[in-house]
Every structure is written in structure tokens, then in C-alpha cells.
Amino acid sequence: SMNCADAMERSQVLEWNLQAQLVPYMKDMVPLPGIYDANFIAANQGERATNIIKGSKSEQVEAVRAHIREFKAAHDLDRVVILWTANTERYAAVVEGINDTADNLLAAIERDEAEVSPSTLYAVAAAHEGVPFVNGSPQNTFVPGMIELAVRTNTLIGGDDFKSGQTKLKSVLVDFLVGAGLKPASIVSYNHLGNNDGMNLSAPQTFRSKEISKSNVVDDMVESNSLLYKPGEHPDHCVVIKYVPYVGDSKRAMDEYTSEIFMNGKNTLVIHNTCEDSLLAAPIILDLVLLAELITRIELKKDGEDAFHGFHPIAVLLSYLTKAPLVPGGTPVVNALSKQRAMLENIMRACVGLSPESNMLMEFK
């Protein structure tokens, strides 16, 4: 229930002089109440849960739907985009009869089943209202039933987890190493931070969600080079996150990349990165919202098709900004940052009638 100016002071992210300039704009902004379920986040978050939506899960979904409609009407908006920036949740168990299909998920919400997470409830509310929903955290918000519901309602969903610091560098560096013919054999990533995200991740069940999203980022780059890696072979990949309150929002990330090179030699890169966690994430939040809204306005048709239609509801184009890109079934997952950017750029070029950029430069050959 704290207003945004007081929350800004508590977080200690912005310099004091900048805070003083922003207070007049933020002191009257109070967040809407949110869905809180202690079963899905760390126990240490309980004292912050002072502004919550009470009631059964179905009542909570209806409350969120009402908030969407009221916010849209109050600000005379044509479009709304919802983006999850709240706590990392533990992974929800995918259970037959509960969240494996859209109908089962909706029925489970009506029965107030415990294994439906708050983030999934928000996504369901967004789908019912036809509002895009982007997951900025690593948990499996988009269980199979939620994905089916998004496709059924033709509502954009995207995620998962902001790609801001260590993982963005990893998606560039591993792509470079593999492409250069070096074979990463061991990747060890250590982080410590002291903000509330770090506090929540100190619980094993929520850390596991983050560990999964950070670890999968190298998979497609490894699989792209069958000369370096045998089928099923992967580098040893370890991710560690520790909570150190003193450092606050100034996250420390230390990485060691050990690669096998010519004649059984070894090449080791050790990188230390100190970054402001929230200030790296905030521009990504803005870009994700803008891009998600833009995607909903792009229409296309193939040769032979009579009518234009939008993209698939699972927004692959958001992968440039996310750690664990959500893609439709059967679609390859691409984590290499340069390929993700090229995909995004070429779609934008197509929208203004330009051909894709191939970097062949044949006109100069």
C-alpha cells in the first residue's frame, strides 16, 4: 500500500537529488492491490504483502479483470498491456486435470485449486479481456492450459524473464566462442545482490525457477555446431545466486568460461560485472510493452491466402529481450542475441517495405 515515492526511497536505487525531482510525480501513485499466495514465493516476502486482493481464485481473476477495465476507462485508453514484474514464483506443477488444458485450468480456478499461481491468474484475466500479457520473471506462468487459452482467445503472450545483464552477455559470448570453433566445456555463473529480488531468490524453490531460465540460454548455440558437440553433449553449466543485503541493487556477476581449443589446450575467460539491477531492467520493461503492443497491430498473409491475419499469439519477437523465449510448439528456440536482433530488425524492415538485411553486400562484390 506504500505510494511510489516512498517505495522509491526505500529501494535506494536512484540518487537522492533525482528522487527529490521525481517525488511530485510519484507521491500520489499507489499500486493497485495484487494477488498474494505465500505458497508460490519465499516466506520472507510476507511482511510486504499489505495490499492484496482477497477471496477465492475465481474472485481474484474477476477483480483483476475489473481493474483492467477500470484503468482503461479512467485513462481513456485504446490498448492496455500487462507485464509481470512481481516476485519470481516457484515452478507450478503441471498436473493432468488442473492446468494441462484451457478448460481444465478454468475449472481448476473455479474449484480454487492450490496449484494455480498468481501470475497465471493474471494471465488468465488478461486473456479474458483480450489484453497482451508478458511474463518478466522466470517461473512457468504459461502452463499448457494457459498457452491453449491464449491461442483460443487470440491474445498475445510472451516471456519469460528479463534478459538484462549476465545472461545477455552469455548469449553473446557463447555464440562467439562456438562460432569461432572454440568449445565451451564449463560455464560457471555466480551472482550476489541485495535487493528484494535477491531476498526472494534466497528460497530454494524460487531460485530453481531462475536457475532454469539462466541455464537454458546456451542450448541452441551448442546444438548449432555438431562438429564441436556430439548429440546430447552439453557444457557443464552451473548458476549460483546469493543474497547479500549490503550491496543493495548493485548486483555482482562473476563468470568463468573454460573452452577446449586446438591440441587439447584450454582457454579460460573470467568476467566480473557490477551492474544496477533495476536500472538495467527498467528500459527492457518499456521496450517489451511497446513491442508487444506493436506486434498486435502487424498483419500479414501468405501467397494464396485471402485475408490478412496477425502473428501467432505466442510472441516470438519478444525473445530478444527475454532469457527463456516462449515459442509455439515445433518452433526452434533461438537464444543467440545477434540472431534474435536480426529477426526483429528484418520484421521491422518488412513492415516498411524493405527487403531483409542479409549482410552479403553483393552490390559491392
Foldseek 3Di string as FASTA:
>chain_A
DQWPLVVCVVQPQDDPVVSVVCCVVTRPHDDAAADDDCQWWPPVCVVVNPHHDDDFLVSRLVVLLVVVVVVCVVVVHPADAAEDPDAQTFAQDQDPQDQQAQVSVVVNSVVRPPRQDRLLSNLLSCLVVLHEYEEQHQYCSPHNRSLNSCQVSVHAYKDDHFDFPDLLVVLAVLLVCVVVVWAFQAKEKEKEAAEVNLVRCQDPRSVVSVFVLSQCLCVVSNVVDCVRAPVPDDHHYYYYYHHDNVRRQFMKMWMWTWTQDPPRDIDIDIDIDTDRNVVRVVVLVVVVRVVSVVQCVDWDDDPPDDDTDGDRSYDQLSLLGHSHIDDPPPDDDRNNNVVSVQVNVQVVCVVVPHHRDPVPPVVVD
